[in-house]
């Protein structure tokens, strides 16, 4: 039987990319594979090795890409990573507020159409077939309304769809996707699952998905490899995997001690305002595009709000107005904590009461700072740390890292962590200054089931304390926090 990828006793040459045990894995043609495991278990390291990113001692992975006539790994394997949800992973010039700054757009800034054309030109298709392929992926991913939109203005979900579309027009032999449904609304998740299933069963494309939760394994997957603390488990059929999962402990992890731990925090005086947010007839436009139109919204102290809407409906734009990251906010009738925006307060006066995590923030962290410093940056409202934390601040950071169960990562470099571990660190950063307003924009990206449950416990306990207000964005119903929720539905 043809093996598209085969590794026997694989050990990465560089120590930082080695797993806990040598890799033995044989992936046969026609198999559609899911790689599962907890956060930090080694899923991404395995995927990087499969794609040829990290050389091994002895023989490198052996590839057989037939019937493709191309032999180079780069021609046959497309690998979309978690970071692609936020844009190009090699964009070192990106900063947190860039997406909201219209002046950052110039003649060199590409549009969605430009990126699709670039991807199509890299294929061997002739002009008529390129146009047909473009029409196909534009329709499948519903990109028609985005073709003239600048890349810098895309939401994380829209960027994800564009990256997938560009990868598929390249006609790869193997498509690897890290957390394929991250950042996508329910309709797009269903469309993508259907699309990948059709491709997997009707052609020579082989698909390998890296998933953090079992619910993200789509029906077309035939085999599963589970990672456990750096060990590559045996390849199992989906049926075998389900039986194995049901045979291990299914007891629910209780977090009563964590709930009580968070509730025991002392109460600090916050802004004395009944209304945390008031927006009157707020409109946000970029060029000829209206993102938010005549929005009226009031959020009162202690309320828990969930923002819902499809990709590109304006959820993150709305939050950027609250966080003072969007310069258009100063031209709008917006009040925060009882004070009218633009009435003399600085951006730091606003941010000191807000804890925040978002896809844009995750993308902005490009330096390999120690984890404890990333958390400490939340005390200073900065991306990166420019002042050494005091011993008291350090203890606070470690307390929150311990609460999220990642205090052992305190001295590790942020960029050396898995994407799920990075998201846990940024969640910790959002809580560290005990903010009055907690803004969580798709906070559970890349988290496994256990860490999602733990994080929900912490969020719910935190919001039970007096004077705590929550704004929460998610595309998953099971991620919504507990308590009495208000729903704000945004329309495209």
Protein backbone atom coordinates (compact mmCIF):
# COMPACT_ATOMS: atom_id res chain seq x y z
CA UNK A 1 0.00 0.00 0.00
CA UNK A 2 1.28 3.46 -0.91
CA UNK A 3 2.56 5.52 2.03
CA UNK A 4 2.37 9.24 1.36
CA UNK A 5 4.35 10.01 4.56
CA UNK A 6 6.40 7.48 6.51
CA UNK A 7 8.60 8.08 9.58
CA UNK A 8 10.47 5.34 11.45
CA UNK A 9 12.27 6.23 14.70
CA UNK A 10 12.11 9.93 13.89
CA UNK A 11 14.02 12.28 16.22
CA UNK A 12 14.36 16.00 15.47
CA UNK A 13 17.92 17.27 15.23
CA UNK A 14 17.25 20.40 17.29
CA UNK A 15 16.45 19.60 20.96
CA UNK A 16 13.71 22.23 21.23
CA UNK A 17 11.69 20.44 18.54
CA UNK A 18 12.08 16.90 19.84
CA UNK A 19 9.18 14.94 21.18
CA UNK A 20 9.45 12.75 24.27
CA UNK A 21 9.87 9.58 22.19
CA UNK A 22 10.88 8.78 18.60
CA UNK A 23 8.12 9.01 16.01
CA UNK A 24 6.85 5.93 14.20
CA UNK A 25 4.03 6.82 11.85
CA UNK A 26 2.91 5.55 8.45
CA UNK A 27 0.16 7.51 6.66
CA UNK A 28 -1.34 5.65 3.71
CA UNK A 29 -2.81 7.14 0.58
CA UNK A 30 -6.54 7.65 0.94
CA UNK A 31 -6.43 8.06 4.72
CA UNK A 32 -7.80 11.32 6.13
CA UNK A 33 -6.07 11.96 9.45
CA UNK A 34 -6.81 13.93 12.62
CA UNK A 35 -4.06 14.62 15.16
CA UNK A 36 -5.55 15.12 18.64
CA UNK A 37 -4.21 15.72 22.15
CA UNK A 38 -4.16 18.15 25.04
CA UNK A 39 -2.57 21.58 24.84
CA UNK A 40 1.22 21.17 24.93
CA UNK A 41 1.06 17.47 24.05
CA UNK A 42 3.13 17.90 20.88
CA UNK A 43 0.48 18.11 18.12
CA UNK A 44 2.09 21.08 16.38
CA UNK A 45 5.60 19.63 16.67
CA UNK A 46 4.44 16.43 15.01
CA UNK A 47 2.70 18.39 12.24
CA UNK A 48 5.82 20.50 11.65
CA UNK A 49 7.91 17.34 11.33
CA UNK A 50 5.41 15.74 8.95
CA UNK A 51 5.56 18.82 6.74
CA UNK A 52 9.37 18.72 6.63
CA UNK A 53 9.86 21.89 8.65
CA UNK A 54 12.24 20.29 11.16
CA UNK A 55 14.93 17.89 9.89
CA UNK A 56 15.42 14.56 11.61
CA UNK A 57 18.47 12.50 12.44
CA UNK A 58 19.11 9.86 9.80
CA UNK A 59 16.51 9.53 7.09
CA UNK A 60 14.09 12.41 6.79
CA UNK A 61 10.41 11.55 6.41
CA UNK A 62 9.87 9.53 3.27
CA UNK A 63 7.27 10.92 0.90
CA UNK A 64 5.39 9.39 -2.01
CA UNK A 65 3.17 12.05 -3.57
CA UNK A 66 1.87 9.99 -6.49
CA UNK A 67 -0.11 10.69 -8.66
CA UNK A 68 1.31 14.20 -8.39
CA UNK A 69 4.16 14.68 -10.85
CA UNK A 70 5.77 17.25 -8.55
CA UNK A 71 8.36 15.91 -6.13
CA UNK A 72 9.16 18.84 -3.82
CA UNK A 73 7.59 18.81 -0.38
CA UNK A 74 6.84 22.54 -0.71
CA UNK A 75 4.83 21.85 -3.87
CA UNK A 76 2.80 19.03 -2.39
CA UNK A 77 2.13 19.96 1.24
CA UNK A 78 0.22 23.08 2.25
CA UNK A 79 0.20 23.73 5.98
CA UNK A 80 -2.15 26.34 7.47
CA UNK A 81 -1.27 27.08 11.08
CA UNK A 82 -3.28 28.54 13.92
CA UNK A 83 -1.57 31.92 13.49
CA UNK A 84 -2.92 32.22 9.98
CA UNK A 85 -6.23 33.06 11.63
CA UNK A 86 -4.70 36.45 12.31
CA UNK A 87 -2.81 37.01 9.07
CA UNK A 88 0.68 36.33 7.78
CA UNK A 89 2.78 34.76 10.53
CA UNK A 90 5.92 36.45 9.16
CA UNK A 91 4.45 39.97 9.39
CA UNK A 92 6.85 41.52 11.87
CA UNK A 93 5.53 45.07 11.38
CA UNK A 94 2.06 44.33 12.76
CA UNK A 95 0.94 46.17 15.87
CA UNK A 96 -2.24 45.86 17.92
CA UNK A 97 -4.15 48.90 16.63
CA UNK A 98 -3.08 48.52 13.00
CA UNK A 99 -6.30 46.95 11.79
CA UNK A 100 -8.33 49.95 12.91
CA UNK A 101 -6.10 52.63 11.36
CA UNK A 102 -7.29 53.68 7.92
CA UNK A 103 -4.05 55.60 7.30
CA UNK A 104 -2.16 52.31 7.30
CA UNK A 105 -3.77 51.50 3.92
CA UNK A 106 -1.74 52.57 0.90
CA UNK A 107 -1.35 51.63 -2.74
CA UNK A 108 0.78 48.62 -1.77
CA UNK A 109 -1.81 47.10 0.56
CA UNK A 110 -3.30 44.00 -1.12
CA UNK A 111 -6.98 43.22 -1.36
CA UNK A 112 -8.62 39.80 -1.09
CA UNK A 113 -8.79 39.67 -4.89
CA UNK A 114 -5.05 40.44 -5.12
CA UNK A 115 -4.19 37.54 -2.78
CA UNK A 116 -6.39 35.12 -4.69
CA UNK A 117 -4.82 36.13 -7.99
CA UNK A 118 -1.37 35.69 -6.47
CA UNK A 119 -2.27 32.17 -5.33
CA UNK A 120 -3.74 31.28 -8.72
CA UNK A 121 -0.68 32.51 -10.62
CA UNK A 122 1.45 30.13 -8.53
CA UNK A 123 -0.48 27.16 -9.93
CA UNK A 124 0.00 25.42 -13.27
CA UNK A 125 -3.52 26.29 -14.42
CA UNK A 126 -3.99 28.22 -17.64
CA UNK A 127 -5.93 31.49 -17.63
CA UNK A 128 -9.44 30.09 -18.32
CA UNK A 129 -9.07 27.37 -15.70
CA UNK A 130 -7.64 29.86 -13.20
CA UNK A 131 -10.79 31.94 -13.59
CA UNK A 132 -12.99 28.87 -13.09
CA UNK A 133 -11.03 27.87 -9.99
CA UNK A 134 -11.32 31.37 -8.61
CA UNK A 135 -15.08 31.41 -9.12
CA UNK A 136 -15.36 28.05 -7.36
CA UNK A 137 -13.47 28.98 -4.20
CA UNK A 138 -15.04 32.45 -4.04
CA UNK A 139 -18.48 30.86 -4.07
CA UNK A 140 -17.55 28.08 -1.60
CA UNK A 141 -16.14 30.51 0.95
CA UNK A 142 -18.62 33.29 0.24
CA UNK A 143 -15.90 35.77 -0.59
CA UNK A 144 -17.85 37.75 -3.20
CA UNK A 145 -18.42 40.76 -0.95
CA UNK A 146 -14.80 40.70 0.26
CA UNK A 147 -12.93 40.77 -3.05
CA UNK A 148 -12.24 44.52 -2.93
CA UNK A 149 -11.61 44.57 0.83
CA UNK A 150 -8.08 45.31 2.02
CA UNK A 151 -6.33 42.51 3.92
CA UNK A 152 -5.64 44.81 6.86
CA UNK A 153 -9.40 45.24 7.41
CA UNK A 154 -10.34 41.56 7.48
CA UNK A 155 -11.62 39.93 10.64
CA UNK A 156 -9.77 36.87 11.94
CA UNK A 157 -12.49 34.62 10.53
CA UNK A 158 -12.35 36.34 7.15
CA UNK A 159 -8.55 35.94 7.08
CA UNK A 160 -9.00 32.26 7.86
CA UNK A 161 -11.39 31.76 4.95
CA UNK A 162 -9.05 33.59 2.57
CA UNK A 163 -6.06 31.50 3.64
CA UNK A 164 -8.01 28.29 3.10
CA UNK A 165 -9.18 29.44 -0.31
CA UNK A 166 -5.64 30.37 -1.39
CA UNK A 167 -4.31 27.01 -0.21
CA UNK A 168 -6.94 25.02 -2.08
CA UNK A 169 -6.37 26.75 -5.42
CA UNK A 170 -2.75 25.64 -5.19
CA UNK A 171 -3.88 22.05 -5.84
CA UNK A 172 -1.69 20.46 -3.11
CA UNK A 173 -1.38 16.68 -2.62
CA UNK A 174 -1.64 17.05 1.17
CA UNK A 175 -3.45 19.82 3.03
CA UNK A 176 -2.60 20.21 6.72
CA UNK A 177 -4.71 22.56 8.83
CA UNK A 178 -4.12 23.46 12.47
CA UNK A 179 -7.50 23.94 14.19
CA UNK A 180 -9.43 24.28 10.92
CA UNK A 181 -12.61 25.77 12.38
CA UNK A 182 -10.98 28.44 14.53
CA UNK A 183 -12.54 31.87 14.07
CA UNK A 184 -15.33 30.67 11.75
CA UNK A 185 -19.03 31.21 12.32
CA UNK A 186 -21.36 28.21 12.39
CA UNK A 187 -22.46 28.45 8.76
CA UNK A 188 -18.89 28.72 7.53
CA UNK A 189 -17.77 25.83 9.76
CA UNK A 190 -20.46 23.63 8.27
CA UNK A 191 -19.61 24.75 4.73
CA UNK A 192 -15.91 24.11 5.30
CA UNK A 193 -16.51 20.64 6.76
CA UNK A 194 -18.71 19.75 3.79
CA UNK A 195 -16.21 21.18 1.33
CA UNK A 196 -13.24 19.33 2.80
CA UNK A 197 -15.27 16.13 2.89
CA UNK A 198 -16.16 16.47 -0.79
CA UNK A 199 -12.53 17.11 -1.70
CA UNK A 200 -11.27 14.25 0.44
CA UNK A 201 -13.62 11.71 -1.15
CA UNK A 202 -13.59 12.87 -4.76
CA UNK A 203 -9.91 13.42 -5.55
CA UNK A 204 -6.30 12.76 -4.66
CA UNK A 205 -6.07 15.44 -1.94
CA UNK A 206 -5.18 14.00 1.46
CA UNK A 207 -6.15 15.99 4.53
CA UNK A 208 -4.46 16.11 7.94
CA UNK A 209 -6.21 18.12 10.65
CA UNK A 210 -4.72 19.16 13.99
CA UNK A 211 -7.62 19.57 16.44
CA UNK A 212 -7.85 20.54 20.09
CA UNK A 213 -11.27 19.02 20.78
CA UNK A 214 -12.99 15.89 19.55
CA UNK A 215 -16.09 17.82 18.44
CA UNK A 216 -13.95 19.39 15.71
CA UNK A 217 -13.23 16.02 14.05
CA UNK A 218 -15.41 16.10 10.89
CA UNK A 219 -17.18 13.03 9.49
CA UNK A 220 -14.78 12.48 6.57
CA UNK A 221 -11.82 11.75 8.88
CA UNK A 222 -10.88 8.06 8.72
CA UNK A 223 -7.99 7.79 11.21
CA UNK A 224 -6.76 9.51 14.37
CA UNK A 225 -3.36 9.87 16.04
CA UNK A 226 -3.48 11.02 19.65
CA UNK A 227 -0.55 12.88 21.21
CA UNK A 228 0.11 12.46 24.92
CA UNK A 229 2.89 14.40 26.67
CA UNK A 230 5.14 14.28 23.64
CA UNK A 231 4.43 10.65 22.75
CA UNK A 232 2.97 9.83 19.35
CA UNK A 233 0.18 7.34 19.85
CA UNK A 234 -0.69 4.59 17.38
CA UNK A 235 -2.74 5.41 14.32
CA UNK A 236 -6.32 4.27 14.95
CA UNK A 237 -9.44 4.18 12.87
CA UNK A 238 -12.09 6.67 14.00
CA UNK A 239 -14.11 3.78 15.43
CA UNK A 240 -11.10 2.50 17.38
CA UNK A 241 -10.39 6.01 18.65
CA UNK A 242 -13.96 6.45 19.89
CA UNK A 243 -13.83 3.10 21.71
CA UNK A 244 -10.48 4.02 23.25
CA UNK A 245 -11.77 7.41 24.40
CA UNK A 246 -14.84 5.83 25.96
CA UNK A 247 -12.67 3.31 27.80
CA UNK A 248 -10.59 5.91 29.63
CA UNK A 249 -11.87 7.89 32.58
CA UNK A 250 -14.88 10.00 31.67
CA UNK A 251 -15.30 11.60 35.07
CA UNK A 252 -15.84 15.35 34.75
CA UNK A 253 -13.06 17.48 36.12
CA UNK A 254 -14.34 19.48 39.09
CA UNK A 255 -13.12 23.03 39.62
CA UNK A 256 -14.80 23.91 42.90
CA UNK A 257 -11.47 24.84 44.46
CA UNK A 258 -10.62 27.13 41.55
CA UNK A 259 -14.06 28.75 41.76
CA UNK A 260 -13.57 29.44 45.47
CA UNK A 261 -10.00 30.61 44.88
CA UNK A 262 -11.15 33.31 42.46
CA UNK A 263 -14.12 34.32 44.63
CA UNK A 264 -11.75 34.80 47.58
CA UNK A 265 -9.92 37.65 45.86
CA UNK A 266 -10.21 40.96 47.71
CA UNK A 267 -12.64 43.54 46.35
CA UNK A 268 -10.96 46.61 44.88
CA UNK A 269 -12.67 49.91 44.28
CA UNK A 270 -13.43 50.42 40.61
CA UNK A 271 -15.06 53.19 38.60
CA UNK A 272 -18.20 54.38 40.37
CA UNK A 273 -20.54 54.33 37.40
CA UNK A 274 -23.88 52.60 36.84
CA UNK A 275 -23.31 52.61 33.08
CA UNK A 276 -20.06 51.02 31.91
CA UNK A 277 -20.70 51.66 28.19
CA UNK A 278 -23.12 53.95 26.35
CA UNK A 279 -23.10 54.31 22.58
CA UNK A 280 -25.47 56.66 20.76
CA UNK A 281 -25.99 56.32 16.99
CA UNK A 282 -22.44 55.06 16.46
CA UNK A 283 -21.37 54.54 12.84
CA UNK A 284 -18.00 53.21 11.67
CA UNK A 285 -16.99 53.30 8.02
CA UNK A 286 -13.88 52.33 6.07
CA UNK A 287 -14.01 53.83 2.61
CA UNK A 288 -17.39 52.91 1.13
CA UNK A 289 -17.93 50.10 3.64
CA UNK A 290 -20.14 50.64 6.66
CA UNK A 291 -19.13 48.22 9.41
CA UNK A 292 -21.37 49.57 12.20
CA UNK A 293 -24.44 51.62 11.38
CA UNK A 294 -26.30 53.86 13.85
CA UNK A 295 -25.69 51.57 16.82
CA UNK A 296 -27.29 52.33 20.18
CA UNK A 297 -26.05 50.22 23.10
CA UNK A 298 -25.96 50.51 26.87
CA UNK A 299 -24.03 48.13 29.15
CA UNK A 300 -24.62 48.49 32.87
CA UNK A 301 -22.30 47.66 35.72
CA UNK A 302 -22.26 43.93 36.50
CA UNK A 303 -23.92 42.76 33.29
CA UNK A 304 -22.65 39.90 31.14
CA UNK A 305 -22.97 40.44 27.39
CA UNK A 306 -22.34 37.99 24.56
CA UNK A 307 -21.70 39.46 21.10
CA UNK A 308 -22.88 37.24 18.28
CA UNK A 309 -22.70 37.54 14.50
CA UNK A 310 -21.15 36.08 11.40
CA UNK A 311 -17.56 36.72 10.33
CA UNK A 312 -17.13 40.36 9.39
CA UNK A 313 -20.28 41.57 11.16
CA UNK A 314 -18.31 44.08 13.25
CA UNK A 315 -17.90 42.34 16.62
CA UNK A 316 -14.18 43.04 16.99
CA UNK A 317 -14.62 46.54 15.55
CA UNK A 318 -17.20 47.26 18.25
CA UNK A 319 -14.80 46.06 20.95
CA UNK A 320 -11.99 48.18 19.49
CA UNK A 321 -14.13 51.25 20.21
CA UNK A 322 -14.51 50.24 23.84
CA UNK A 323 -10.79 49.57 24.26
CA UNK A 324 -9.82 52.90 22.64
CA UNK A 325 -7.84 51.08 19.94
CA UNK A 326 -9.95 52.51 17.11
CA UNK A 327 -9.29 56.21 16.33
CA UNK A 328 -12.78 56.59 14.84
CA UNK A 329 -14.15 56.18 18.34
CA UNK A 330 -13.20 59.75 19.21
CA UNK A 331 -15.60 61.04 16.55
CA UNK A 332 -18.49 59.03 18.00
CA UNK A 333 -20.85 59.60 20.91
CA UNK A 334 -19.39 57.02 23.31
CA UNK A 335 -19.21 57.11 27.09
CA UNK A 336 -17.19 54.70 29.22
CA UNK A 337 -17.58 54.42 32.98
CA UNK A 338 -19.74 57.56 32.87
CA UNK A 339 -17.23 59.72 30.99
CA UNK A 340 -17.76 60.92 27.41
CA UNK A 341 -15.00 59.75 25.05
CA UNK A 342 -12.72 62.62 24.10
CA UNK A 343 -13.52 64.70 27.18
CA UNK A 344 -9.92 64.77 28.36
CA UNK A 345 -9.15 61.19 29.40
CA UNK A 346 -6.09 59.45 27.94
CA UNK A 347 -6.07 56.03 26.33
CA UNK A 348 -4.37 54.74 29.49
CA UNK A 349 -7.14 56.16 31.69
CA UNK A 350 -9.53 53.95 29.73
CA UNK A 351 -7.41 50.82 29.54
CA UNK A 352 -6.49 50.67 33.24
CA UNK A 353 -9.99 49.37 34.05
CA UNK A 354 -10.14 46.86 31.18
CA UNK A 355 -8.79 43.31 30.83
CA UNK A 356 -8.65 42.21 27.22
CA UNK A 357 -7.76 39.27 24.98
CA UNK A 358 -8.41 39.00 21.24
CA UNK A 359 -7.06 37.48 18.02
CA UNK A 360 -5.42 40.83 17.23
CA UNK A 361 -3.60 40.81 20.57
CA UNK A 362 -2.39 37.23 19.99
CA UNK A 363 -1.03 38.24 16.61
CA UNK A 364 0.73 41.29 18.08
CA UNK A 365 2.93 39.25 20.46
CA UNK A 366 5.96 38.54 18.26
CA UNK A 367 8.78 38.55 20.82
CA UNK A 368 9.88 35.50 22.76
CA UNK A 369 9.44 37.10 26.19
CA UNK A 370 9.26 34.95 29.32
CA UNK A 371 5.66 34.00 30.05
CA UNK A 372 5.60 35.83 33.39
CA UNK A 373 6.59 39.05 31.59
CA UNK A 374 3.80 38.62 29.05
CA UNK A 375 1.35 38.31 31.94
CA UNK A 376 2.94 41.30 33.71
CA UNK A 377 2.44 43.40 30.58
CA UNK A 378 -1.27 43.25 31.38
CA UNK A 379 -0.56 45.33 34.48
CA UNK A 380 1.01 48.00 32.26
CA UNK A 381 -1.47 47.76 29.33
CA UNK A 382 1.40 47.22 26.92
CA UNK A 383 2.34 44.67 24.28
CA UNK A 384 5.69 43.63 25.68
CA UNK A 385 7.12 44.70 29.04
CA UNK A 386 9.13 47.87 29.40
CA UNK A 387 9.36 48.06 33.20
CA UNK A 388 10.47 45.30 35.53
CA UNK A 389 7.59 44.08 37.72
CA UNK A 390 7.87 44.57 41.46
CA UNK A 391 8.02 41.54 43.72
CA UNK A 392 4.33 42.07 44.58
CA UNK A 393 3.39 42.28 40.90
CA UNK A 394 5.45 39.18 40.17
CA UNK A 395 3.61 37.28 42.91
CA UNK A 396 0.26 38.39 41.44
CA UNK A 397 1.31 37.15 38.00
CA UNK A 398 2.36 33.78 39.39
CA UNK A 399 -0.92 33.51 41.36
CA UNK A 400 -2.93 33.89 38.18
CA UNK A 401 -0.65 31.55 36.24
CA UNK A 402 -1.20 28.98 38.97
CA UNK A 403 -4.97 29.54 38.80
CA UNK A 404 -4.91 28.73 35.08
CA UNK A 405 -2.67 25.72 35.80
CA UNK A 406 0.34 26.99 33.83
CA UNK A 407 2.67 28.34 36.53
CA UNK A 408 5.28 25.78 35.38
CA UNK A 409 5.50 27.76 32.14
CA UNK A 410 6.43 31.01 33.90
CA UNK A 411 10.06 31.10 32.74
CA UNK A 412 9.42 29.63 29.28
CA UNK A 413 9.64 31.81 26.18
CA UNK A 414 6.20 32.76 24.89
CA UNK A 415 6.94 31.76 21.29
CA UNK A 416 8.20 28.33 22.37
CA UNK A 417 4.72 27.41 23.62
CA UNK A 418 1.98 25.70 21.67
CA UNK A 419 -0.76 27.97 20.35
CA UNK A 420 -3.18 26.73 23.00
CA UNK A 421 -0.67 27.42 25.77
CA UNK A 422 -0.10 30.90 24.35
CA UNK A 423 -3.82 31.59 24.48
CA UNK A 424 -3.93 30.50 28.14
CA UNK A 425 -1.10 32.94 28.89
CA UNK A 426 -2.98 35.79 27.19
CA UNK A 427 -6.13 34.87 29.11
CA UNK A 428 -4.08 35.08 32.32
CA UNK A 429 -2.83 38.50 31.19
CA UNK A 430 -6.45 39.70 30.87
CA UNK A 431 -7.24 38.86 34.51
CA UNK A 432 -4.00 39.89 36.20
CA UNK A 433 -4.99 43.46 37.15
CA UNK A 434 -8.46 42.44 38.40
CA UNK A 435 -10.23 44.64 35.84
CA UNK A 436 -13.70 46.10 36.20
CA UNK A 437 -14.50 45.37 32.55
CA UNK A 438 -13.41 42.03 31.10
CA UNK A 439 -13.42 41.82 27.29
CA UNK A 440 -12.86 38.33 25.87
CA UNK A 441 -12.89 38.18 22.07
CA UNK A 442 -12.96 34.49 21.06
CA UNK A 443 -10.85 33.57 24.11
CA UNK A 444 -10.92 29.78 23.75
CA UNK A 445 -9.18 29.49 20.37
CA UNK A 446 -6.99 26.40 20.37
CA UNK A 447 -7.84 25.28 23.91
CA UNK A 448 -8.51 21.62 24.61
CA UNK A 449 -11.69 20.55 26.39
CA UNK A 450 -10.14 20.52 29.86
CA UNK A 451 -8.66 24.00 29.57
CA UNK A 452 -11.88 25.36 28.10
CA UNK A 453 -13.80 24.01 31.11
CA UNK A 454 -11.23 25.46 33.53
CA UNK A 455 -11.28 28.84 31.80
CA UNK A 456 -15.08 28.96 31.89
CA UNK A 457 -15.00 28.25 35.64
CA UNK A 458 -12.55 31.12 36.19
CA UNK A 459 -14.60 33.52 34.05
CA UNK A 460 -17.86 32.66 35.80
CA UNK A 461 -16.33 32.97 39.27
CA UNK A 462 -14.65 36.25 38.38
CA UNK A 463 -17.95 37.73 37.16
CA UNK A 464 -19.78 36.68 40.33
CA UNK A 465 -17.74 39.26 42.19
CA UNK A 466 -19.30 42.73 42.60
CA UNK A 467 -18.52 45.41 40.04
CA UNK A 468 -17.42 43.04 37.26
CA UNK A 469 -18.79 43.47 33.74
CA UNK A 470 -18.19 41.04 30.87
CA UNK A 471 -18.18 41.37 27.07
CA UNK A 472 -17.72 37.98 25.43
CA UNK A 473 -17.42 37.02 21.74
CA UNK A 474 -17.80 33.45 20.50
CA UNK A 475 -19.06 31.45 17.54
CA UNK A 476 -19.80 28.39 19.74
CA UNK A 477 -22.89 28.08 21.93
CA UNK A 478 -21.10 25.76 24.38
CA UNK A 479 -18.45 28.40 25.05
CA UNK A 480 -20.87 31.01 26.40
CA UNK A 481 -20.39 31.96 30.06
CA UNK A 482 -22.91 31.20 32.74
CA UNK A 483 -25.25 33.53 34.59
CA UNK A 484 -27.86 35.96 33.30
CA UNK A 485 -26.69 36.81 29.78
CA UNK A 486 -27.58 39.66 27.46
CA UNK A 487 -27.14 38.95 23.75
CA UNK A 488 -26.06 41.54 21.18
CA UNK A 489 -26.51 40.19 17.66
CA UNK A 490 -24.61 42.05 14.93
CA UNK A 491 -25.62 41.76 11.29
CA UNK A 492 -23.37 41.87 8.24
